[in-house]
């Protein structure tokens, strides 16, 4: 447990040399760069489908290099669902999404 707290503290401080991989709380394929994918999704208040698009695009080739194309296809699937939902019920004003339409 101490290692996990130490790892999280290093990650949150922006330690670029942190090689910790916490597969439950901070998987390495979502923690590249300066912001964790989940933090971005929550900050932007993205609904389910758009969150999945971001998740699969960001992890493409990093979780498993052999699934790069599959991750992009999954992102495209969720983006199409978001577009199809928009066509059924367009957004009439810019507003935070708590769920996809």
C-alpha atoms as a PDB file:
ATOM      1  CA  UNK A   1       0.000   0.000   0.000  1.00  0.00           C
ATOM      2  CA  UNK A   2       2.855   2.376   0.801  1.00  0.00           C
ATOM      3  CA  UNK A   3       4.252   1.808  -2.687  1.00  0.00           C
ATOM      4  CA  UNK A   4       0.911   2.747  -4.269  1.00  0.00           C
ATOM      5  CA  UNK A   5       0.708   5.992  -2.265  1.00  0.00           C
ATOM      6  CA  UNK A   6       4.303   6.777  -3.154  1.00  0.00           C
ATOM      7  CA  UNK A   7       3.646   6.002  -6.806  1.00  0.00           C
ATOM      8  CA  UNK A   8       0.508   8.142  -6.899  1.00  0.00           C
ATOM      9  CA  UNK A   9       2.331  11.051  -5.250  1.00  0.00           C
ATOM     10  CA  UNK A  10       5.136  10.805  -7.804  1.00  0.00           C
ATOM     11  CA  UNK A  11       2.639  10.623 -10.656  1.00  0.00           C
ATOM     12  CA  UNK A  12       0.607  13.586  -9.379  1.00  0.00           C
ATOM     13  CA  UNK A  13       3.761  15.660  -8.939  1.00  0.00           C
ATOM     14  CA  UNK A  14       4.535  15.234 -12.633  1.00  0.00           C
ATOM     15  CA  UNK A  15       7.572  13.000 -12.093  1.00  0.00           C
ATOM     16  CA  UNK A  16       8.329  12.056 -15.711  1.00  0.00           C
ATOM     17  CA  UNK A  17      10.723   9.321 -14.561  1.00  0.00           C
ATOM     18  CA  UNK A  18       8.034   7.508 -12.581  1.00  0.00           C
ATOM     19  CA  UNK A  19       7.823   4.006 -14.018  1.00  0.00           C
ATOM     20  CA  UNK A  20       5.143   2.856 -11.606  1.00  0.00           C
ATOM     21  CA  UNK A  21       2.221   1.077 -13.144  1.00  0.00           C
ATOM     22  CA  UNK A  22      -0.852   0.811 -10.978  1.00  0.00           C
ATOM     23  CA  UNK A  23      -3.131  -1.166 -13.309  1.00  0.00           C
ATOM     24  CA  UNK A  24      -6.252  -0.325 -11.287  1.00  0.00           C
ATOM     25  CA  UNK A  25      -5.865   3.328 -10.294  1.00  0.00           C
ATOM     26  CA  UNK A  26      -3.369   4.700 -12.826  1.00  0.00           C
ATOM     27  CA  UNK A  27      -2.706   2.305 -15.730  1.00  0.00           C
ATOM     28  CA  UNK A  28       0.439   3.278 -17.616  1.00  0.00           C
ATOM     29  CA  UNK A  29      -1.403   3.363 -20.965  1.00  0.00           C
ATOM     30  CA  UNK A  30      -3.609   6.193 -19.615  1.00  0.00           C
ATOM     31  CA  UNK A  31      -0.961   8.160 -17.729  1.00  0.00           C
ATOM     32  CA  UNK A  32       1.423   9.222 -20.470  1.00  0.00           C
ATOM     33  CA  UNK A  33       2.007  12.949 -20.740  1.00  0.00           C
ATOM     34  CA  UNK A  34       1.054  15.649 -18.283  1.00  0.00           C
ATOM     35  CA  UNK A  35      -2.573  14.742 -17.588  1.00  0.00           C
ATOM     36  CA  UNK A  36      -4.238  11.409 -16.940  1.00  0.00           C
ATOM     37  CA  UNK A  37      -6.940  10.518 -19.450  1.00  0.00           C
ATOM     38  CA  UNK A  38      -9.581  10.128 -16.716  1.00  0.00           C
ATOM     39  CA  UNK A  39      -8.798  13.601 -15.345  1.00  0.00           C
ATOM     40  CA  UNK A  40      -9.301  15.107 -18.817  1.00  0.00           C
ATOM     41  CA  UNK A  41     -12.589  13.247 -19.347  1.00  0.00           C
ATOM     42  CA  UNK A  42     -13.933  14.381 -15.969  1.00  0.00           C
ATOM     43  CA  UNK A  43     -12.710  17.957 -16.438  1.00  0.00           C
ATOM     44  CA  UNK A  44     -14.512  18.187 -19.769  1.00  0.00           C
ATOM     45  CA  UNK A  45     -17.639  16.491 -18.359  1.00  0.00           C
ATOM     46  CA  UNK A  46     -17.796  14.137 -21.317  1.00  0.00           C
ATOM     47  CA  UNK A  47     -20.640  11.678 -21.533  1.00  0.00           C
ATOM     48  CA  UNK A  48     -20.109   7.943 -21.916  1.00  0.00           C
ATOM     49  CA  UNK A  49     -19.659   7.704 -25.689  1.00  0.00           C
ATOM     50  CA  UNK A  50     -17.262  10.640 -26.014  1.00  0.00           C
ATOM     51  CA  UNK A  51     -15.305   9.447 -22.988  1.00  0.00           C
ATOM     52  CA  UNK A  52     -14.842   6.089 -24.710  1.00  0.00           C
ATOM     53  CA  UNK A  53     -13.592   7.827 -27.859  1.00  0.00           C
ATOM     54  CA  UNK A  54     -10.955   9.707 -25.874  1.00  0.00           C
ATOM     55  CA  UNK A  55     -10.004   6.586 -23.902  1.00  0.00           C
ATOM     56  CA  UNK A  56      -9.482   4.376 -26.958  1.00  0.00           C
ATOM     57  CA  UNK A  57      -7.636   7.028 -28.973  1.00  0.00           C
ATOM     58  CA  UNK A  58      -5.272   7.742 -26.081  1.00  0.00           C
ATOM     59  CA  UNK A  59      -4.462   4.116 -25.390  1.00  0.00           C
ATOM     60  CA  UNK A  60      -4.122   3.018 -29.043  1.00  0.00           C
ATOM     61  CA  UNK A  61      -0.843   1.181 -29.375  1.00  0.00           C
ATOM     62  CA  UNK A  62       0.134   1.673 -25.726  1.00  0.00           C
ATOM     63  CA  UNK A  63      -1.942  -0.860 -23.803  1.00  0.00           C
ATOM     64  CA  UNK A  64      -1.084  -3.489 -26.395  1.00  0.00           C
ATOM     65  CA  UNK A  65       0.833  -2.517 -29.545  1.00  0.00           C
ATOM     66  CA  UNK A  66      -0.927  -5.344 -31.381  1.00  0.00           C
ATOM     67  CA  UNK A  67      -4.361  -3.756 -30.906  1.00  0.00           C
ATOM     68  CA  UNK A  68      -3.622  -0.274 -32.309  1.00  0.00           C
ATOM     69  CA  UNK A  69      -6.095  -0.610 -35.187  1.00  0.00           C
ATOM     70  CA  UNK A  70      -8.710  -2.296 -32.990  1.00  0.00           C
ATOM     71  CA  UNK A  71      -8.518   0.550 -30.445  1.00  0.00           C
ATOM     72  CA  UNK A  72      -9.065   3.097 -33.230  1.00  0.00           C
ATOM     73  CA  UNK A  73     -11.997   1.051 -34.569  1.00  0.00           C
ATOM     74  CA  UNK A  74     -13.522   1.029 -31.079  1.00  0.00           C
ATOM     75  CA  UNK A  75     -13.086   4.819 -30.901  1.00  0.00           C
ATOM     76  CA  UNK A  76     -14.796   5.152 -34.287  1.00  0.00           C
ATOM     77  CA  UNK A  77     -17.653   2.910 -33.086  1.00  0.00           C
ATOM     78  CA  UNK A  78     -18.311   5.126 -30.057  1.00  0.00           C
ATOM     79  CA  UNK A  79     -17.977   8.329 -32.090  1.00  0.00           C
ATOM     80  CA  UNK A  80     -20.559   7.015 -34.558  1.00  0.00           C
ATOM     81  CA  UNK A  81     -22.881   6.214 -31.633  1.00  0.00           C
ATOM     82  CA  UNK A  82     -22.478   9.769 -30.310  1.00  0.00           C
ATOM     83  CA  UNK A  83     -23.254  11.173 -33.775  1.00  0.00           C
ATOM     84  CA  UNK A  84     -26.266   8.868 -34.185  1.00  0.00           C
ATOM     85  CA  UNK A  85     -27.565   9.969 -30.780  1.00  0.00           C
ATOM     86  CA  UNK A  86     -27.076  13.605 -31.743  1.00  0.00           C
ATOM     87  CA  UNK A  87     -29.111  13.031 -34.913  1.00  0.00           C
ATOM     88  CA  UNK A  88     -31.951  11.684 -32.756  1.00  0.00           C
ATOM     89  CA  UNK A  89     -31.813  14.556 -30.252  1.00  0.00           C
ATOM     90  CA  UNK A  90     -29.604  17.502 -31.261  1.00  0.00           C
ATOM     91  CA  UNK A  91     -27.952  19.640 -28.634  1.00  0.00           C
ATOM     92  CA  UNK A  92     -29.470  23.104 -28.934  1.00  0.00           C
ATOM     93  CA  UNK A  93     -27.017  24.918 -26.682  1.00  0.00           C
ATOM     94  CA  UNK A  94     -23.535  24.343 -25.397  1.00  0.00           C
ATOM     95  CA  UNK A  95     -23.856  22.632 -22.042  1.00  0.00           C
ATOM     96  CA  UNK A  96     -21.908  20.120 -19.993  1.00  0.00           C
ATOM     97  CA  UNK A  97     -22.970  16.576 -20.680  1.00  0.00           C
ATOM     98  CA  UNK A  98     -23.708  14.311 -17.761  1.00  0.00           C
ATOM     99  CA  UNK A  99     -24.633  11.499 -20.098  1.00  0.00           C
ATOM    100  CA  UNK A 100     -24.774  11.061 -23.838  1.00  0.00           C
ATOM    101  CA  UNK A 101     -28.145  11.854 -25.284  1.00  0.00           C
END
